[in-house]
Amino acid sequence: MAECTHDCSTCSQKCDKASLIEPQNKASNVKHVIGVVSGKGGVGKSLVTSMLAVTMQRRGYKTAILDADITGPSIPKSFGLKHGTVEGSELGMFPPKTKTGIEVMSVNLLIDDETKPVVWRGPVIAGTVKQFWTDVVWNEVDYMFVDMPPGTGDVPLTVFQSLPLDGIVIVSSPQELVSMIVEKAVNMAALMDVKVLGLVENYSYIVCPDCGKVIRPYGESRIDELANERGTTVLAKLPIDPSLASLCDKGVIELFEGDYLEHAADVIEKSLS
């Protein structure tokens, strides 16, 4: 048998998927792992990851975020977490907690300057993601959300193969081009035998603050049609809401108001119960 390249798309071998899964830290107890993916950058994937974790935490679950976007980490900023807050022992690293108790691990918590670029090659980045799973002591976690970098490259492939994903949430925006890229993410999930829990469309509309009129700056959405074609569901359509951006900038995303992702939470609960 040829040496494994970990690229299932070019491989004719029928590997046992379970054999590729990395064990979680012996001191961890993570029950469900959900990947949050996007076909391209800039669609609000990290925002959706943060809001999903907050929404599930508000429902009484213990949640965590593994920030797998190693070269573009933004999760700590949204929650007001700073570097130097990660402690460790012979058991591994202990993820810091947000104000409401969400556990977070991100490369930006490990470097002394959050603006310093992470200039690493793919194998090193993929290895770091694995270490965030195997070398971090995640406590009692009901739902872990993995914020992945955009696309279908090294890191998404590593997460799909190495972490025990229960499913993924795909984030998109209304442009026709993005719809095409969403299909790539759906196809990758099918290739890797990972369940698509549903689609979240960000930047779906704007509500005029004066008259309340709904404006769709990118035109009519195709998300419902795409979901039907792919046999999945639409979890949410998020508006362009300046208040959400402001909360992220201030590091207080846990204060967001609204029921934006309540239906998504319902689907996650039902699918993974």
C-alpha atoms as a PDB file:
ATOM      1  CA  MET A   1       0.000   0.000   0.000  1.00  0.00           C
ATOM      2  CA  ALA A   2       1.312   3.452  -0.885  1.00  0.00           C
ATOM      3  CA  GLU A   3       2.130   5.857   1.940  1.00  0.00           C
ATOM      4  CA  CYS A   4      -0.951   7.766   3.084  1.00  0.00           C
ATOM      5  CA  THR A   5      -1.038  11.400   1.936  1.00  0.00           C
ATOM      6  CA  HIS A   6      -4.200  12.111   3.966  1.00  0.00           C
ATOM      7  CA  ASP A   7      -5.844  13.371   0.769  1.00  0.00           C
ATOM      8  CA  CYS A   8      -8.940  11.204   0.424  1.00  0.00           C
ATOM      9  CA  SER A   9      -9.990  12.896  -2.812  1.00  0.00           C
ATOM     10  CA  THR A  10      -7.081  11.286  -4.707  1.00  0.00           C
ATOM     11  CA  CYS A  11      -6.993   7.957  -2.889  1.00  0.00           C
ATOM     12  CA  SER A  12      -8.423   4.614  -3.981  1.00  0.00           C
ATOM     13  CA  GLN A  13      -7.922   2.931  -0.608  1.00  0.00           C
ATOM     14  CA  LYS A  14     -10.950   2.246   1.567  1.00  0.00           C
ATOM     15  CA  CYS A  15      -9.623   3.243   4.975  1.00  0.00           C
ATOM     16  CA  ASP A  16     -11.449   2.779   8.236  1.00  0.00           C
ATOM     17  CA  LYS A  17     -12.438   6.359   9.036  1.00  0.00           C
ATOM     18  CA  ALA A  18     -12.396   5.699  12.773  1.00  0.00           C
ATOM     19  CA  SER A  19      -8.712   4.744  12.594  1.00  0.00           C
ATOM     20  CA  LEU A  20      -7.808   8.293  11.533  1.00  0.00           C
ATOM     21  CA  ILE A  21      -9.547  10.000  14.466  1.00  0.00           C
ATOM     22  CA  GLU A  22      -7.179  11.461  17.037  1.00  0.00           C
ATOM     23  CA  PRO A  23      -8.019  10.655  20.661  1.00  0.00           C
ATOM     24  CA  GLN A  24      -9.091  13.581  22.800  1.00  0.00           C
ATOM     25  CA  ASN A  25      -7.007  14.430  25.832  1.00  0.00           C
ATOM     26  CA  LYS A  26      -7.433  11.816  28.553  1.00  0.00           C
ATOM     27  CA  ALA A  27      -8.643  14.506  30.948  1.00  0.00           C
ATOM     28  CA  SER A  28     -11.206  15.880  28.460  1.00  0.00           C
ATOM     29  CA  ASN A  29     -14.857  14.973  28.084  1.00  0.00           C
ATOM     30  CA  VAL A  30     -16.230  16.439  24.861  1.00  0.00           C
ATOM     31  CA  LYS A  31     -19.571  14.938  23.871  1.00  0.00           C
ATOM     32  CA  HIS A  32     -20.333  16.555  20.483  1.00  0.00           C
ATOM     33  CA  VAL A  33     -18.079  18.273  17.927  1.00  0.00           C
ATOM     34  CA  ILE A  34     -19.540  20.523  15.215  1.00  0.00           C
ATOM     35  CA  GLY A  35     -17.493  22.102  12.462  1.00  0.00           C
ATOM     36  CA  VAL A  36     -18.378  25.554  11.138  1.00  0.00           C
ATOM     37  CA  VAL A  37     -17.149  25.891   7.570  1.00  0.00           C
ATOM     38  CA  SER A  38     -17.348  28.194   4.581  1.00  0.00           C
ATOM     39  CA  GLY A  39     -16.289  27.898   0.990  1.00  0.00           C
ATOM     40  CA  LYS A  40     -14.703  31.352   1.010  1.00  0.00           C
ATOM     41  CA  GLY A  41     -13.552  33.967   3.450  1.00  0.00           C
ATOM     42  CA  GLY A  42     -15.448  37.015   4.619  1.00  0.00           C
ATOM     43  CA  VAL A  43     -18.894  35.466   5.006  1.00  0.00           C
ATOM     44  CA  GLY A  44     -19.038  35.675   8.812  1.00  0.00           C
ATOM     45  CA  LYS A  45     -18.062  32.145   9.759  1.00  0.00           C
ATOM     46  CA  SER A  46     -16.363  33.168  13.009  1.00  0.00           C
ATOM     47  CA  LEU A  47     -19.358  35.311  13.952  1.00  0.00           C
ATOM     48  CA  VAL A  48     -21.694  32.365  13.431  1.00  0.00           C
ATOM     49  CA  THR A  49     -19.355  30.110  15.437  1.00  0.00           C
ATOM     50  CA  SER A  50     -19.362  32.579  18.323  1.00  0.00           C
ATOM     51  CA  MET A  51     -23.128  33.077  18.245  1.00  0.00           C
ATOM     52  CA  LEU A  52     -23.811  29.343  18.088  1.00  0.00           C
ATOM     53  CA  ALA A  53     -21.638  28.756  21.155  1.00  0.00           C
ATOM     54  CA  VAL A  54     -23.356  31.600  23.011  1.00  0.00           C
ATOM     55  CA  THR A  55     -26.828  30.399  22.007  1.00  0.00           C
ATOM     56  CA  MET A  56     -26.197  26.839  23.175  1.00  0.00           C
ATOM     57  CA  GLN A  57     -24.582  28.131  26.390  1.00  0.00           C
ATOM     58  CA  ARG A  58     -27.711  30.189  27.073  1.00  0.00           C
ATOM     59  CA  ARG A  59     -29.734  26.982  26.788  1.00  0.00           C
ATOM     60  CA  GLY A  60     -27.820  25.523  29.687  1.00  0.00           C
ATOM     61  CA  TYR A  61     -25.250  23.491  27.765  1.00  0.00           C
ATOM     62  CA  LYS A  62     -21.514  23.700  28.358  1.00  0.00           C
ATOM     63  CA  THR A  63     -19.897  24.862  25.143  1.00  0.00           C
ATOM     64  CA  ALA A  64     -16.421  25.371  23.765  1.00  0.00           C
ATOM     65  CA  ILE A  65     -14.747  26.810  20.673  1.00  0.00           C
ATOM     66  CA  LEU A  66     -11.676  25.307  19.036  1.00  0.00           C
ATOM     67  CA  ASP A  67     -10.325  28.047  16.773  1.00  0.00           C
ATOM     68  CA  ALA A  68      -8.860  26.092  13.853  1.00  0.00           C
ATOM     69  CA  ASP A  69      -8.408  29.224  11.732  1.00  0.00           C
ATOM     70  CA  ILE A  70      -4.735  29.340  12.683  1.00  0.00           C
ATOM     71  CA  THR A  71      -3.621  32.080  10.297  1.00  0.00           C
ATOM     72  CA  GLY A  72      -6.711  34.243  10.766  1.00  0.00           C
ATOM     73  CA  PRO A  73      -7.890  33.754  14.347  1.00  0.00           C
ATOM     74  CA  SER A  74     -10.617  36.151  15.441  1.00  0.00           C
ATOM     75  CA  ILE A  75     -12.474  34.254  18.158  1.00  0.00           C
ATOM     76  CA  PRO A  76     -10.474  35.661  21.132  1.00  0.00           C
ATOM     77  CA  LYS A  77     -11.150  39.225  19.983  1.00  0.00           C
ATOM     78  CA  SER A  78     -14.907  38.615  19.866  1.00  0.00           C
ATOM     79  CA  PHE A  79     -14.917  37.377  23.459  1.00  0.00           C
ATOM     80  CA  GLY A  80     -12.394  39.843  24.877  1.00  0.00           C
ATOM     81  CA  LEU A  81      -9.792  37.157  25.636  1.00  0.00           C
ATOM     82  CA  LYS A  82      -6.114  38.115  25.769  1.00  0.00           C
ATOM     83  CA  HIS A  83      -2.847  36.256  25.300  1.00  0.00           C
ATOM     84  CA  GLY A  84      -1.163  34.906  28.377  1.00  0.00           C
ATOM     85  CA  THR A  85      -4.351  33.373  29.773  1.00  0.00           C
ATOM     86  CA  VAL A  86      -3.517  29.784  28.811  1.00  0.00           C
ATOM     87  CA  GLU A  87      -2.123  27.720  31.658  1.00  0.00           C
ATOM     88  CA  GLY A  88      -0.831  24.166  31.589  1.00  0.00           C
ATOM     89  CA  SER A  89       0.344  21.174  33.551  1.00  0.00           C
ATOM     90  CA  GLU A  90       1.516  17.649  32.835  1.00  0.00           C
ATOM     91  CA  LEU A  91      -2.062  16.963  31.711  1.00  0.00           C
ATOM     92  CA  GLY A  92      -1.932  19.549  28.937  1.00  0.00           C
ATOM     93  CA  MET A  93      -3.071  23.107  28.255  1.00  0.00           C
ATOM     94  CA  PHE A  94      -6.122  24.530  29.996  1.00  0.00           C
ATOM     95  CA  PRO A  95      -8.351  26.686  27.767  1.00  0.00           C
ATOM     96  CA  PRO A  96      -9.386  30.036  29.219  1.00  0.00           C
ATOM     97  CA  LYS A  97     -13.070  30.702  29.730  1.00  0.00           C
ATOM     98  CA  THR A  98     -15.164  33.613  28.553  1.00  0.00           C
ATOM     99  CA  LYS A  99     -17.313  35.660  30.913  1.00  0.00           C
ATOM    100  CA  THR A 100     -20.187  33.184  30.590  1.00  0.00           C
ATOM    101  CA  GLY A 101     -17.997  30.098  30.842  1.00  0.00           C
ATOM    102  CA  ILE A 102     -17.340  29.149  27.207  1.00  0.00           C
ATOM    103  CA  GLU A 103     -13.958  27.418  26.843  1.00  0.00           C
ATOM    104  CA  VAL A 104     -11.775  28.743  24.019  1.00  0.00           C
ATOM    105  CA  MET A 105      -8.454  27.714  22.504  1.00  0.00           C
ATOM    106  CA  SER A 106      -6.839  29.773  19.769  1.00  0.00           C
ATOM    107  CA  VAL A 107      -3.325  30.458  18.553  1.00  0.00           C
ATOM    108  CA  ASN A 108      -3.869  34.145  19.374  1.00  0.00           C
ATOM    109  CA  LEU A 109      -3.997  33.180  23.043  1.00  0.00           C
ATOM    110  CA  LEU A 110      -0.497  31.736  22.766  1.00  0.00           C
ATOM    111  CA  ILE A 111       1.397  34.558  21.047  1.00  0.00           C
ATOM    112  CA  ASP A 112       2.485  37.799  22.701  1.00  0.00           C
ATOM    113  CA  ASP A 113       1.089  40.083  19.993  1.00  0.00           C
ATOM    114  CA  GLU A 114      -2.303  39.393  18.453  1.00  0.00           C
ATOM    115  CA  THR A 115      -1.279  41.300  15.308  1.00  0.00           C
ATOM    116  CA  LYS A 116       1.771  39.108  14.698  1.00  0.00           C
ATOM    117  CA  PRO A 117       1.225  36.994  11.553  1.00  0.00           C
ATOM    118  CA  VAL A 118       1.377  33.214  11.813  1.00  0.00           C
ATOM    119  CA  VAL A 119       3.622  32.362   8.858  1.00  0.00           C
ATOM    120  CA  TRP A 120       3.555  28.576   8.950  1.00  0.00           C
ATOM    121  CA  ARG A 121       3.303  25.935   6.267  1.00  0.00           C
ATOM    122  CA  GLY A 122       0.333  23.615   5.975  1.00  0.00           C
ATOM    123  CA  PRO A 123       1.677  20.590   7.902  1.00  0.00           C
ATOM    124  CA  VAL A 124       2.612  22.747  10.911  1.00  0.00           C
ATOM    125  CA  ILE A 125      -0.804  24.416  10.912  1.00  0.00           C
ATOM    126  CA  ALA A 126      -2.558  21.046  10.641  1.00  0.00           C
ATOM    127  CA  GLY A 127      -0.427  19.710  13.496  1.00  0.00           C
ATOM    128  CA  THR A 128      -1.416  22.665  15.678  1.00  0.00           C
ATOM    129  CA  VAL A 129      -5.096  21.964  15.090  1.00  0.00           C
ATOM    130  CA  LYS A 130      -4.580  18.359  16.165  1.00  0.00           C
ATOM    131  CA  GLN A 131      -2.772  19.531  19.286  1.00  0.00           C
ATOM    132  CA  PHE A 132      -5.689  21.801  20.173  1.00  0.00           C
ATOM    133  CA  TRP A 133      -7.721  18.596  20.328  1.00  0.00           C
ATOM    134  CA  THR A 134      -5.243  16.134  21.864  1.00  0.00           C
ATOM    135  CA  ASP A 135      -3.147  18.391  24.124  1.00  0.00           C
ATOM    136  CA  VAL A 136      -5.834  20.679  25.526  1.00  0.00           C
ATOM    137  CA  VAL A 137      -7.787  19.698  28.621  1.00  0.00           C
ATOM    138  CA  TRP A 138     -11.358  20.399  27.604  1.00  0.00           C
ATOM    139  CA  ASN A 139     -13.576  19.885  30.614  1.00  0.00           C
ATOM    140  CA  GLU A 140     -17.205  18.766  30.542  1.00  0.00           C
ATOM    141  CA  VAL A 141     -18.229  20.034  27.103  1.00  0.00           C
ATOM    142  CA  ASP A 142     -21.639  19.282  25.622  1.00  0.00           C
ATOM    143  CA  TYR A 143     -21.026  21.044  22.300  1.00  0.00           C
ATOM    144  CA  MET A 144     -17.677  22.049  20.838  1.00  0.00           C
ATOM    145  CA  PHE A 145     -17.748  24.308  17.787  1.00  0.00           C
ATOM    146  CA  VAL A 146     -14.691  24.221  15.511  1.00  0.00           C
ATOM    147  CA  ASP A 147     -14.108  27.462  13.621  1.00  0.00           C
ATOM    148  CA  MET A 148     -12.372  26.364  10.423  1.00  0.00           C
ATOM    149  CA  PRO A 149     -10.529  28.465   7.868  1.00  0.00           C
ATOM    150  CA  PRO A 150     -12.349  28.946   4.566  1.00  0.00           C
ATOM    151  CA  GLY A 151     -11.996  26.570   1.672  1.00  0.00           C
ATOM    152  CA  THR A 152     -11.319  22.863   1.352  1.00  0.00           C
ATOM    153  CA  GLY A 153      -7.577  22.755   2.025  1.00  0.00           C
ATOM    154  CA  ASP A 154      -5.232  21.305   4.642  1.00  0.00           C
ATOM    155  CA  VAL A 155      -6.960  22.388   7.835  1.00  0.00           C
ATOM    156  CA  PRO A 156     -10.555  21.501   6.904  1.00  0.00           C
ATOM    157  CA  LEU A 157      -9.256  18.137   5.678  1.00  0.00           C
ATOM    158  CA  THR A 158      -7.380  17.643   8.959  1.00  0.00           C
ATOM    159  CA  VAL A 159     -10.476  18.466  11.010  1.00  0.00           C
ATOM    160  CA  PHE A 160     -12.695  16.203   8.893  1.00  0.00           C
ATOM    161  CA  GLN A 161     -10.265  13.301   9.270  1.00  0.00           C
ATOM    162  CA  SER A 162      -8.834  13.788  12.756  1.00  0.00           C
ATOM    163  CA  LEU A 163     -11.702  15.063  14.917  1.00  0.00           C
ATOM    164  CA  PRO A 164     -14.878  13.087  15.676  1.00  0.00           C
ATOM    165  CA  LEU A 165     -17.213  15.471  13.884  1.00  0.00           C
ATOM    166  CA  ASP A 166     -20.907  14.933  14.484  1.00  0.00           C
ATOM    167  CA  GLY A 167     -21.711  17.300  11.648  1.00  0.00           C
ATOM    168  CA  ILE A 168     -20.957  20.652  10.077  1.00  0.00           C
ATOM    169  CA  VAL A 169     -22.721  23.977   9.645  1.00  0.00           C
ATOM    170  CA  ILE A 170     -21.975  25.752   6.357  1.00  0.00           C
ATOM    171  CA  VAL A 171     -21.969  29.551   6.328  1.00  0.00           C
ATOM    172  CA  SER A 172     -22.598  31.493   3.124  1.00  0.00           C
ATOM    173  CA  SER A 173     -23.762  34.838   1.794  1.00  0.00           C
ATOM    174  CA  PRO A 174     -26.406  35.477  -0.902  1.00  0.00           C
ATOM    175  CA  GLN A 175     -24.171  36.087  -3.938  1.00  0.00           C
ATOM    176  CA  GLU A 176     -24.521  33.589  -6.773  1.00  0.00           C
ATOM    177  CA  LEU A 177     -20.767  32.947  -6.721  1.00  0.00           C
ATOM    178  CA  VAL A 178     -20.914  31.986  -3.056  1.00  0.00           C
ATOM    179  CA  SER A 179     -23.731  29.542  -3.776  1.00  0.00           C
ATOM    180  CA  MET A 180     -21.406  27.721  -6.152  1.00  0.00           C
ATOM    181  CA  ILE A 181     -18.681  27.617  -3.499  1.00  0.00           C
ATOM    182  CA  VAL A 182     -21.139  26.358  -0.889  1.00  0.00           C
ATOM    183  CA  GLU A 183     -21.745  23.364  -3.120  1.00  0.00           C
ATOM    184  CA  LYS A 184     -18.025  22.613  -2.957  1.00  0.00           C
ATOM    185  CA  ALA A 185     -18.242  22.499   0.842  1.00  0.00           C
ATOM    186  CA  VAL A 186     -21.321  20.260   0.671  1.00  0.00           C
ATOM    187  CA  ASN A 187     -19.550  17.965  -1.773  1.00  0.00           C
ATOM    188  CA  MET A 188     -16.485  17.789   0.468  1.00  0.00           C
ATOM    189  CA  ALA A 189     -18.670  16.785   3.407  1.00  0.00           C
ATOM    190  CA  ALA A 190     -20.194  14.017   1.290  1.00  0.00           C
ATOM    191  CA  LEU A 191     -16.738  12.871   0.199  1.00  0.00           C
ATOM    192  CA  MET A 192     -15.606  12.699   3.824  1.00  0.00           C
ATOM    193  CA  ASP A 193     -18.870  11.115   5.009  1.00  0.00           C
ATOM    194  CA  VAL A 194     -19.676  14.005   7.361  1.00  0.00           C
ATOM    195  CA  LYS A 195     -23.251  15.101   7.992  1.00  0.00           C
ATOM    196  CA  VAL A 196     -24.318  18.598   6.930  1.00  0.00           C
ATOM    197  CA  LEU A 197     -26.522  19.897   9.745  1.00  0.00           C
ATOM    198  CA  GLY A 198     -27.633  22.869   7.669  1.00  0.00           C
ATOM    199  CA  LEU A 199     -26.811  26.189   6.050  1.00  0.00           C
ATOM    200  CA  VAL A 200     -26.577  29.657   7.560  1.00  0.00           C
ATOM    201  CA  GLU A 201     -26.843  32.634   5.236  1.00  0.00           C
ATOM    202  CA  ASN A 202     -25.155  35.769   6.527  1.00  0.00           C
ATOM    203  CA  TYR A 203     -25.645  39.295   5.088  1.00  0.00           C
ATOM    204  CA  SER A 204     -29.064  38.112   3.958  1.00  0.00           C
ATOM    205  CA  TYR A 205     -30.876  41.426   4.354  1.00  0.00           C
ATOM    206  CA  ILE A 206     -30.924  44.846   6.021  1.00  0.00           C
ATOM    207  CA  VAL A 207     -33.785  46.233   8.072  1.00  0.00           C
ATOM    208  CA  CYS A 208     -34.141  49.991   7.599  1.00  0.00           C
ATOM    209  CA  PRO A 209     -33.853  51.572  11.077  1.00  0.00           C
ATOM    210  CA  ASP A 210     -36.310  54.327  10.108  1.00  0.00           C
ATOM    211  CA  CYS A 211     -39.171  52.571   8.296  1.00  0.00           C
ATOM    212  CA  GLY A 212     -38.517  48.896   9.017  1.00  0.00           C
ATOM    213  CA  LYS A 213     -38.390  47.976   5.337  1.00  0.00           C
ATOM    214  CA  VAL A 214     -36.412  44.834   4.512  1.00  0.00           C
ATOM    215  CA  ILE A 215     -33.741  45.489   1.887  1.00  0.00           C
ATOM    216  CA  ARG A 216     -31.796  42.707   0.144  1.00  0.00           C
ATOM    217  CA  PRO A 217     -28.582  44.339  -1.079  1.00  0.00           C
ATOM    218  CA  TYR A 218     -27.359  41.178  -2.827  1.00  0.00           C
ATOM    219  CA  GLY A 219     -30.675  40.375  -4.463  1.00  0.00           C
ATOM    220  CA  GLU A 220     -32.927  37.437  -3.809  1.00  0.00           C
ATOM    221  CA  SER A 221     -31.335  34.531  -2.027  1.00  0.00           C
ATOM    222  CA  ARG A 222     -30.947  31.019  -3.478  1.00  0.00           C
ATOM    223  CA  ILE A 223     -30.242  29.430  -0.104  1.00  0.00           C
ATOM    224  CA  ASP A 224     -33.627  27.656   0.183  1.00  0.00           C
ATOM    225  CA  GLU A 225     -33.322  26.269  -3.316  1.00  0.00           C
ATOM    226  CA  LEU A 226     -29.755  25.144  -2.665  1.00  0.00           C
ATOM    227  CA  ALA A 227     -30.734  23.475   0.599  1.00  0.00           C
ATOM    228  CA  ASN A 228     -33.553  21.598  -1.119  1.00  0.00           C
ATOM    229  CA  GLU A 229     -31.275  20.466  -3.923  1.00  0.00           C
ATOM    230  CA  ARG A 230     -28.739  19.136  -1.427  1.00  0.00           C
ATOM    231  CA  GLY A 231     -31.215  17.553   0.952  1.00  0.00           C
ATOM    232  CA  THR A 232     -30.383  19.791   3.877  1.00  0.00           C
ATOM    233  CA  THR A 233     -32.047  22.683   5.702  1.00  0.00           C
ATOM    234  CA  VAL A 234     -31.624  26.414   6.188  1.00  0.00           C
ATOM    235  CA  LEU A 235     -30.712  27.034   9.808  1.00  0.00           C
ATOM    236  CA  ALA A 236     -30.801  30.831   9.739  1.00  0.00           C
ATOM    237  CA  LYS A 237     -30.748  33.952   7.599  1.00  0.00           C
ATOM    238  CA  LEU A 238     -28.769  36.635   9.405  1.00  0.00           C
ATOM    239  CA  PRO A 239     -29.179  40.348   8.653  1.00  0.00           C
ATOM    240  CA  ILE A 240     -26.451  42.891   8.180  1.00  0.00           C
ATOM    241  CA  ASP A 241     -26.539  44.187  11.749  1.00  0.00           C
ATOM    242  CA  PRO A 242     -23.964  46.831  12.769  1.00  0.00           C
ATOM    243  CA  SER A 243     -24.623  46.045  16.435  1.00  0.00           C
ATOM    244  CA  LEU A 244     -23.183  42.545  16.028  1.00  0.00           C
ATOM    245  CA  ALA A 245     -19.984  43.933  14.506  1.00  0.00           C
ATOM    246  CA  SER A 246     -19.742  46.443  17.341  1.00  0.00           C
ATOM    247  CA  LEU A 247     -20.107  43.723  19.984  1.00  0.00           C
ATOM    248  CA  CYS A 248     -17.323  41.692  18.328  1.00  0.00           C
ATOM    249  CA  ASP A 249     -15.041  44.724  18.170  1.00  0.00           C
ATOM    250  CA  LYS A 250     -15.653  45.398  21.874  1.00  0.00           C
ATOM    251  CA  GLY A 251     -15.116  41.755  22.831  1.00  0.00           C
ATOM    252  CA  VAL A 252     -18.621  41.312  24.209  1.00  0.00           C
ATOM    253  CA  ILE A 253     -20.362  39.117  21.611  1.00  0.00           C
ATOM    254  CA  GLU A 254     -21.959  37.256  24.542  1.00  0.00           C
ATOM    255  CA  LEU A 255     -24.252  40.262  24.991  1.00  0.00           C
ATOM    256  CA  PHE A 256     -25.938  39.976  21.594  1.00  0.00           C
ATOM    257  CA  GLU A 257     -29.711  40.152  21.601  1.00  0.00           C
ATOM    258  CA  GLY A 258     -32.156  38.447  19.281  1.00  0.00           C
ATOM    259  CA  ASP A 259     -33.188  34.937  18.327  1.00  0.00           C
ATOM    260  CA  TYR A 260     -31.013  34.735  15.217  1.00  0.00           C
ATOM    261  CA  LEU A 261     -29.823  31.157  15.765  1.00  0.00           C
ATOM    262  CA  GLU A 262     -32.577  29.642  17.882  1.00  0.00           C
ATOM    263  CA  HIS A 263     -33.790  27.473  14.992  1.00  0.00           C
ATOM    264  CA  ALA A 264     -30.198  26.363  14.382  1.00  0.00           C
ATOM    265  CA  ALA A 265     -29.927  25.393  18.032  1.00  0.00           C
ATOM    266  CA  ASP A 266     -33.171  23.431  17.768  1.00  0.00           C
ATOM    267  CA  VAL A 267     -31.850  21.478  14.784  1.00  0.00           C
ATOM    268  CA  ILE A 268     -28.515  20.774  16.483  1.00  0.00           C
ATOM    269  CA  GLU A 269     -30.240  19.537  19.634  1.00  0.00           C
ATOM    270  CA  LYS A 270     -32.592  17.287  17.666  1.00  0.00           C
ATOM    271  CA  SER A 271     -29.917  15.958  15.306  1.00  0.00           C
ATOM    272  CA  LEU A 272     -27.422  15.095  18.030  1.00  0.00           C
ATOM    273  CA  SER A 273     -29.736  13.982  20.822  1.00  0.00           C
END
